[in-house]
Amino acid sequence: MQREIRSLFHLRKAYFYDFWSYPEIGIISCSWAGFGIYIWRVNEGNRVGNLFQETKGYAYVNLQLASYVNDVLTYLLGFCCFFGTFKFLRLLRFNHRMSLLSSTLAYAAKDLVSFTFMFSIIYLGYLALFFLLFNSKIWACSDLIQTAQMLFEMMLLKFNVSDLYAADIFLGPFCFTLFIIFVVFICMNMVCREKKTRENKMKMIFFYF
């Protein structure tokens, strides 16, 4: 934190132009948030334990809040591990293959950002569609996180569509077909088509290395 604060005061706006500043910010933010959530989880566990001890197990004990707090802490720890592992790419930047990877990503950064923006809008639209239509009918659509996981499985074509058929004989297959057409076929083919237009330029980069 001291190093990043000194860099922020020294570089000012240029600090946010450096890509590797964001993993550091992510680690610091998730670490402090995880510290606060951990204290909250301990207090919640003590409250539930004291209530159980006072009533000797005969009172109703709601563990939903404790479960949510524990899940949030797990997510924050997962992001900390992700950002920490991501920093290994910078440590390995002197490696020949890692430098090739970083140069390729830097060259295609604008296209990747534009495609990610477009894909996020389409994906969030389908996320809202499946969640609102099948929230009370399919367990996989009971919340937004599980719905997002189900859509990722559908993108990989590893999803069992029998639940959608059982939920609604028309809307289930219809929404599934729209998702496959627009996300799997159209969006992925846009990436392949963009890749072909830049293939010659990318060959020049690989030839250089």
C-alpha atoms as a PDB file:
ATOM      1  CA  MET A   1       0.000   0.000   0.000  1.00  0.00           C
ATOM      2  CA  GLN A   2       2.832   2.409   0.795  1.00  0.00           C
ATOM      3  CA  ARG A   3       4.454   1.697  -2.553  1.00  0.00           C
ATOM      4  CA  GLU A   4       1.231   2.232  -4.459  1.00  0.00           C
ATOM      5  CA  ILE A   5       0.403   5.427  -2.559  1.00  0.00           C
ATOM      6  CA  ARG A   6       3.860   6.834  -3.315  1.00  0.00           C
ATOM      7  CA  SER A   7       3.431   5.907  -6.973  1.00  0.00           C
ATOM      8  CA  LEU A   8       0.005   7.561  -7.034  1.00  0.00           C
ATOM      9  CA  PHE A   9       1.344  10.850  -5.623  1.00  0.00           C
ATOM     10  CA  HIS A  10       4.365  10.721  -7.906  1.00  0.00           C
ATOM     11  CA  LEU A  11       2.641   9.787 -11.166  1.00  0.00           C
ATOM     12  CA  ARG A  12      -0.847  11.229 -10.483  1.00  0.00           C
ATOM     13  CA  LYS A  13      -3.022  10.675 -13.566  1.00  0.00           C
ATOM     14  CA  ALA A  14      -0.321   8.627 -15.292  1.00  0.00           C
ATOM     15  CA  TYR A  15      -0.714   6.055 -12.519  1.00  0.00           C
ATOM     16  CA  PHE A  16      -4.100   5.015 -13.900  1.00  0.00           C
ATOM     17  CA  TYR A  17      -2.729   4.717 -17.434  1.00  0.00           C
ATOM     18  CA  ASP A  18      -0.473   1.864 -16.351  1.00  0.00           C
ATOM     19  CA  PHE A  19      -2.226  -1.489 -16.769  1.00  0.00           C
ATOM     20  CA  TRP A  20      -0.342  -3.132 -13.897  1.00  0.00           C
ATOM     21  CA  SER A  21      -1.671  -0.613 -11.411  1.00  0.00           C
ATOM     22  CA  TYR A  22      -5.116  -2.187 -11.520  1.00  0.00           C
ATOM     23  CA  PRO A  23      -4.083  -5.645 -10.200  1.00  0.00           C
ATOM     24  CA  GLU A  24      -2.424  -3.874  -7.270  1.00  0.00           C
ATOM     25  CA  ILE A  25      -5.590  -1.852  -6.621  1.00  0.00           C
ATOM     26  CA  GLY A  26      -7.646  -5.032  -6.884  1.00  0.00           C
ATOM     27  CA  ILE A  27      -5.469  -6.871  -4.356  1.00  0.00           C
ATOM     28  CA  ILE A  28      -5.568  -3.973  -1.868  1.00  0.00           C
ATOM     29  CA  SER A  29      -9.328  -3.435  -2.242  1.00  0.00           C
ATOM     30  CA  CYS A  30     -10.236  -7.108  -1.966  1.00  0.00           C
ATOM     31  CA  SER A  31      -7.872  -7.597   0.973  1.00  0.00           C
ATOM     32  CA  TRP A  32      -9.342  -4.768   3.038  1.00  0.00           C
ATOM     33  CA  ALA A  33     -12.889  -5.739   2.073  1.00  0.00           C
ATOM     34  CA  GLY A  34     -12.131  -9.358   2.970  1.00  0.00           C
ATOM     35  CA  PHE A  35     -10.748  -8.229   6.338  1.00  0.00           C
ATOM     36  CA  GLY A  36     -13.982  -6.379   7.106  1.00  0.00           C
ATOM     37  CA  ILE A  37     -16.170  -9.251   5.914  1.00  0.00           C
ATOM     38  CA  TYR A  38     -14.110 -11.712   7.984  1.00  0.00           C
ATOM     39  CA  ILE A  39     -14.793  -9.682  11.165  1.00  0.00           C
ATOM     40  CA  TRP A  40     -18.467  -9.551  10.216  1.00  0.00           C
ATOM     41  CA  ARG A  41     -18.507 -13.327   9.738  1.00  0.00           C
ATOM     42  CA  VAL A  42     -16.888 -13.905  13.137  1.00  0.00           C
ATOM     43  CA  ASN A  43     -19.446 -11.655  14.861  1.00  0.00           C
ATOM     44  CA  GLU A  44     -22.298 -13.338  13.019  1.00  0.00           C
ATOM     45  CA  GLY A  45     -20.978 -16.778  13.997  1.00  0.00           C
ATOM     46  CA  ASN A  46     -20.717 -15.698  17.636  1.00  0.00           C
ATOM     47  CA  ARG A  47     -24.260 -14.334  17.555  1.00  0.00           C
ATOM     48  CA  VAL A  48     -25.649 -17.558  16.137  1.00  0.00           C
ATOM     49  CA  GLY A  49     -23.619 -19.639  18.594  1.00  0.00           C
ATOM     50  CA  ASN A  50     -24.774 -17.617  21.590  1.00  0.00           C
ATOM     51  CA  LEU A  51     -28.397 -17.815  20.447  1.00  0.00           C
ATOM     52  CA  PHE A  52     -28.125 -21.558  20.036  1.00  0.00           C
ATOM     53  CA  GLN A  53     -26.497 -21.907  23.454  1.00  0.00           C
ATOM     54  CA  GLU A  54     -29.064 -19.739  25.230  1.00  0.00           C
ATOM     55  CA  THR A  55     -32.032 -21.557  23.745  1.00  0.00           C
ATOM     56  CA  LYS A  56     -30.299 -24.957  23.858  1.00  0.00           C
ATOM     57  CA  GLY A  57     -31.226 -25.540  20.226  1.00  0.00           C
ATOM     58  CA  TYR A  58     -34.985 -25.154  20.665  1.00  0.00           C
ATOM     59  CA  ALA A  59     -35.289 -21.738  18.972  1.00  0.00           C
ATOM     60  CA  TYR A  60     -35.365 -21.022  15.276  1.00  0.00           C
ATOM     61  CA  VAL A  61     -31.902 -19.968  14.086  1.00  0.00           C
ATOM     62  CA  ASN A  62     -31.689 -18.222  10.716  1.00  0.00           C
ATOM     63  CA  LEU A  63     -28.372 -19.004   9.031  1.00  0.00           C
ATOM     64  CA  GLN A  64     -29.123 -17.223   5.760  1.00  0.00           C
ATOM     65  CA  LEU A  65     -27.173 -14.041   6.606  1.00  0.00           C
ATOM     66  CA  ALA A  66     -24.203 -16.049   7.870  1.00  0.00           C
ATOM     67  CA  SER A  67     -24.208 -18.063   4.652  1.00  0.00           C
ATOM     68  CA  TYR A  68     -24.288 -14.908   2.507  1.00  0.00           C
ATOM     69  CA  VAL A  69     -21.436 -13.333   4.464  1.00  0.00           C
ATOM     70  CA  ASN A  70     -19.362 -16.483   4.088  1.00  0.00           C
ATOM     71  CA  ASP A  71     -20.036 -16.541   0.331  1.00  0.00           C
ATOM     72  CA  VAL A  72     -18.963 -12.910  -0.044  1.00  0.00           C
ATOM     73  CA  LEU A  73     -15.741 -13.651   1.829  1.00  0.00           C
ATOM     74  CA  THR A  74     -15.098 -16.610  -0.469  1.00  0.00           C
ATOM     75  CA  TYR A  75     -15.590 -14.401  -3.544  1.00  0.00           C
ATOM     76  CA  LEU A  76     -13.182 -11.770  -2.210  1.00  0.00           C
ATOM     77  CA  LEU A  77     -10.530 -14.383  -1.453  1.00  0.00           C
ATOM     78  CA  GLY A  78     -10.999 -15.774  -4.952  1.00  0.00           C
ATOM     79  CA  PHE A  79     -10.415 -12.337  -6.492  1.00  0.00           C
ATOM     80  CA  CYS A  80      -7.330 -11.842  -4.329  1.00  0.00           C
ATOM     81  CA  CYS A  81      -5.917 -15.138  -5.608  1.00  0.00           C
ATOM     82  CA  PHE A  82      -6.807 -14.144  -9.173  1.00  0.00           C
ATOM     83  CA  PHE A  83      -5.028 -10.779  -9.022  1.00  0.00           C
ATOM     84  CA  GLY A  84      -2.059 -12.306  -7.224  1.00  0.00           C
ATOM     85  CA  THR A  85      -1.709 -15.039  -9.831  1.00  0.00           C
ATOM     86  CA  PHE A  86      -2.152 -12.474 -12.606  1.00  0.00           C
ATOM     87  CA  LYS A  87       0.925 -10.633 -11.343  1.00  0.00           C
ATOM     88  CA  PHE A  88       3.055 -13.623 -12.343  1.00  0.00           C
ATOM     89  CA  LEU A  89       2.651 -12.501 -15.945  1.00  0.00           C
ATOM     90  CA  ARG A  90       4.633  -9.386 -15.100  1.00  0.00           C
ATOM     91  CA  LEU A  91       7.317 -11.407 -13.331  1.00  0.00           C
ATOM     92  CA  LEU A  92       7.628 -13.593 -16.431  1.00  0.00           C
ATOM     93  CA  ARG A  93       7.727 -10.689 -18.900  1.00  0.00           C
ATOM     94  CA  PHE A  94      11.378 -11.415 -19.722  1.00  0.00           C
ATOM     95  CA  ASN A  95      10.400 -14.838 -21.022  1.00  0.00           C
ATOM     96  CA  HIS A  96      10.228 -15.052 -24.822  1.00  0.00           C
ATOM     97  CA  ARG A  97       6.740 -16.550 -24.986  1.00  0.00           C
ATOM     98  CA  MET A  98       5.358 -14.209 -22.338  1.00  0.00           C
ATOM     99  CA  SER A  99       6.672 -11.184 -24.220  1.00  0.00           C
ATOM    100  CA  LEU A 100       5.026 -12.543 -27.369  1.00  0.00           C
ATOM    101  CA  LEU A 101       1.746 -12.919 -25.516  1.00  0.00           C
ATOM    102  CA  SER A 102       1.883  -9.398 -24.088  1.00  0.00           C
ATOM    103  CA  SER A 103       2.719  -7.912 -27.505  1.00  0.00           C
ATOM    104  CA  THR A 104      -0.185  -9.765 -29.112  1.00  0.00           C
ATOM    105  CA  LEU A 105      -2.626  -8.620 -26.429  1.00  0.00           C
ATOM    106  CA  ALA A 106      -1.380  -5.030 -26.690  1.00  0.00           C
ATOM    107  CA  TYR A 107      -1.835  -5.100 -30.470  1.00  0.00           C
ATOM    108  CA  ALA A 108      -5.391  -6.466 -30.236  1.00  0.00           C
ATOM    109  CA  ALA A 109      -6.415  -4.445 -27.160  1.00  0.00           C
ATOM    110  CA  LYS A 110      -8.839  -2.102 -28.959  1.00  0.00           C
ATOM    111  CA  ASP A 111     -10.617  -4.923 -30.749  1.00  0.00           C
ATOM    112  CA  LEU A 112     -10.849  -6.983 -27.575  1.00  0.00           C
ATOM    113  CA  VAL A 113     -12.294  -4.063 -25.601  1.00  0.00           C
ATOM    114  CA  SER A 114     -14.910  -3.277 -28.263  1.00  0.00           C
ATOM    115  CA  PHE A 115     -15.914  -6.931 -28.565  1.00  0.00           C
ATOM    116  CA  THR A 116     -16.083  -7.318 -24.780  1.00  0.00           C
ATOM    117  CA  PHE A 117     -18.354  -4.272 -24.522  1.00  0.00           C
ATOM    118  CA  MET A 118     -20.703  -5.572 -27.214  1.00  0.00           C
ATOM    119  CA  PHE A 119     -20.698  -9.110 -25.819  1.00  0.00           C
ATOM    120  CA  SER A 120     -21.387  -7.863 -22.275  1.00  0.00           C
ATOM    121  CA  ILE A 121     -24.513  -6.017 -23.414  1.00  0.00           C
ATOM    122  CA  ILE A 122     -25.859  -9.096 -25.209  1.00  0.00           C
ATOM    123  CA  TYR A 123     -24.938 -11.408 -22.335  1.00  0.00           C
ATOM    124  CA  LEU A 124     -26.584  -9.184 -19.709  1.00  0.00           C
ATOM    125  CA  GLY A 125     -29.715  -9.012 -21.863  1.00  0.00           C
ATOM    126  CA  TYR A 126     -29.997 -12.789 -21.986  1.00  0.00           C
ATOM    127  CA  LEU A 127     -29.149 -12.978 -18.292  1.00  0.00           C
ATOM    128  CA  ALA A 128     -32.119 -10.761 -17.469  1.00  0.00           C
ATOM    129  CA  LEU A 129     -34.335 -12.690 -19.907  1.00  0.00           C
ATOM    130  CA  PHE A 130     -33.650 -16.150 -18.445  1.00  0.00           C
ATOM    131  CA  PHE A 131     -33.758 -14.908 -14.862  1.00  0.00           C
ATOM    132  CA  LEU A 132     -37.118 -13.160 -15.230  1.00  0.00           C
ATOM    133  CA  LEU A 133     -38.758 -15.926 -17.262  1.00  0.00           C
ATOM    134  CA  PHE A 134     -37.562 -19.017 -15.395  1.00  0.00           C
ATOM    135  CA  ASN A 135     -36.839 -17.692 -11.908  1.00  0.00           C
ATOM    136  CA  SER A 136     -39.662 -19.662 -10.294  1.00  0.00           C
ATOM    137  CA  LYS A 137     -39.512 -22.681 -12.598  1.00  0.00           C
ATOM    138  CA  ILE A 138     -35.841 -23.744 -12.835  1.00  0.00           C
ATOM    139  CA  TRP A 139     -33.475 -24.088  -9.888  1.00  0.00           C
ATOM    140  CA  ALA A 140     -30.523 -23.026 -12.059  1.00  0.00           C
ATOM    141  CA  CYS A 141     -32.230 -19.645 -12.564  1.00  0.00           C
ATOM    142  CA  SER A 142     -33.050 -19.065  -8.895  1.00  0.00           C
ATOM    143  CA  ASP A 143     -30.536 -16.189  -8.634  1.00  0.00           C
ATOM    144  CA  LEU A 144     -28.384 -14.124 -10.976  1.00  0.00           C
ATOM    145  CA  ILE A 145     -25.121 -15.931 -10.223  1.00  0.00           C
ATOM    146  CA  GLN A 146     -26.530 -19.370 -10.967  1.00  0.00           C
ATOM    147  CA  THR A 147     -28.231 -18.003 -14.080  1.00  0.00           C
ATOM    148  CA  ALA A 148     -24.909 -16.598 -15.307  1.00  0.00           C
ATOM    149  CA  GLN A 149     -23.287 -19.977 -14.674  1.00  0.00           C
ATOM    150  CA  MET A 150     -26.053 -21.693 -16.635  1.00  0.00           C
ATOM    151  CA  LEU A 151     -25.522 -19.336 -19.594  1.00  0.00           C
ATOM    152  CA  PHE A 152     -21.800 -20.081 -19.595  1.00  0.00           C
ATOM    153  CA  GLU A 153     -22.589 -23.782 -19.710  1.00  0.00           C
ATOM    154  CA  MET A 154     -24.925 -23.111 -22.628  1.00  0.00           C
ATOM    155  CA  MET A 155     -22.118 -21.266 -24.435  1.00  0.00           C
ATOM    156  CA  LEU A 156     -19.929 -24.341 -24.021  1.00  0.00           C
ATOM    157  CA  LEU A 157     -22.823 -26.526 -25.228  1.00  0.00           C
ATOM    158  CA  LYS A 158     -22.670 -28.521 -21.987  1.00  0.00           C
ATOM    159  CA  PHE A 159     -26.155 -27.682 -20.727  1.00  0.00           C
ATOM    160  CA  ASN A 160     -29.058 -30.097 -20.423  1.00  0.00           C
ATOM    161  CA  VAL A 161     -32.043 -28.455 -22.122  1.00  0.00           C
ATOM    162  CA  SER A 162     -34.554 -30.846 -20.556  1.00  0.00           C
ATOM    163  CA  ASP A 163     -35.134 -28.381 -17.695  1.00  0.00           C
ATOM    164  CA  LEU A 164     -36.039 -25.648 -20.171  1.00  0.00           C
ATOM    165  CA  TYR A 165     -38.422 -27.983 -21.978  1.00  0.00           C
ATOM    166  CA  ALA A 166     -40.051 -28.912 -18.675  1.00  0.00           C
ATOM    167  CA  ALA A 167     -40.343 -25.256 -17.591  1.00  0.00           C
ATOM    168  CA  ASP A 168     -42.126 -24.081 -20.721  1.00  0.00           C
ATOM    169  CA  ILE A 169     -42.680 -26.080 -23.871  1.00  0.00           C
ATOM    170  CA  PHE A 170     -42.439 -22.984 -26.092  1.00  0.00           C
ATOM    171  CA  LEU A 171     -40.426 -20.294 -24.287  1.00  0.00           C
ATOM    172  CA  GLY A 172     -37.736 -22.715 -23.123  1.00  0.00           C
ATOM    173  CA  PRO A 173     -36.624 -24.002 -26.548  1.00  0.00           C
ATOM    174  CA  PHE A 174     -37.269 -20.580 -28.129  1.00  0.00           C
ATOM    175  CA  CYS A 175     -34.994 -18.701 -25.711  1.00  0.00           C
ATOM    176  CA  PHE A 176     -32.368 -21.421 -25.915  1.00  0.00           C
ATOM    177  CA  THR A 177     -32.379 -21.236 -29.724  1.00  0.00           C
ATOM    178  CA  LEU A 178     -32.069 -17.429 -29.688  1.00  0.00           C
ATOM    179  CA  PHE A 179     -29.152 -17.631 -27.260  1.00  0.00           C
ATOM    180  CA  ILE A 180     -27.302 -20.179 -29.371  1.00  0.00           C
ATOM    181  CA  ILE A 181     -27.861 -18.221 -32.593  1.00  0.00           C
ATOM    182  CA  PHE A 182     -26.902 -14.762 -31.338  1.00  0.00           C
ATOM    183  CA  VAL A 183     -24.186 -15.616 -28.803  1.00  0.00           C
ATOM    184  CA  VAL A 184     -22.551 -18.825 -29.996  1.00  0.00           C
ATOM    185  CA  PHE A 185     -22.880 -18.423 -33.768  1.00  0.00           C
ATOM    186  CA  ILE A 186     -22.986 -14.672 -34.471  1.00  0.00           C
ATOM    187  CA  CYS A 187     -20.740 -13.285 -31.708  1.00  0.00           C
ATOM    188  CA  MET A 188     -18.119 -16.000 -31.982  1.00  0.00           C
ATOM    189  CA  ASN A 189     -18.092 -15.745 -35.773  1.00  0.00           C
ATOM    190  CA  MET A 190     -17.478 -12.006 -35.455  1.00  0.00           C
ATOM    191  CA  VAL A 191     -14.283 -12.794 -33.567  1.00  0.00           C
ATOM    192  CA  CYS A 192     -13.205 -15.291 -36.232  1.00  0.00           C
ATOM    193  CA  ARG A 193     -13.958 -12.831 -39.032  1.00  0.00           C
ATOM    194  CA  GLU A 194     -12.002 -10.068 -37.294  1.00  0.00           C
ATOM    195  CA  LYS A 195      -9.199 -12.516 -36.798  1.00  0.00           C
ATOM    196  CA  LYS A 196      -8.970 -13.245 -40.532  1.00  0.00           C
ATOM    197  CA  THR A 197      -8.777  -9.539 -41.427  1.00  0.00           C
ATOM    198  CA  ARG A 198      -5.784  -9.090 -39.135  1.00  0.00           C
ATOM    199  CA  GLU A 199      -4.097 -12.385 -39.840  1.00  0.00           C
ATOM    200  CA  ASN A 200      -1.405 -10.946 -42.098  1.00  0.00           C
ATOM    201  CA  LYS A 201      -0.432  -8.285 -39.583  1.00  0.00           C
ATOM    202  CA  MET A 202      -0.251 -10.832 -36.799  1.00  0.00           C
ATOM    203  CA  LYS A 203       2.019 -13.001 -38.933  1.00  0.00           C
ATOM    204  CA  MET A 204       4.438 -10.095 -39.145  1.00  0.00           C
ATOM    205  CA  ILE A 205       4.581  -9.909 -35.353  1.00  0.00           C
ATOM    206  CA  PHE A 206       5.159 -13.657 -34.971  1.00  0.00           C
ATOM    207  CA  PHE A 207       7.797 -13.541 -37.702  1.00  0.00           C
ATOM    208  CA  TYR A 208       9.584 -10.744 -35.857  1.00  0.00           C
ATOM    209  CA  PHE A 209       9.768 -12.761 -32.652  1.00  0.00           C
END
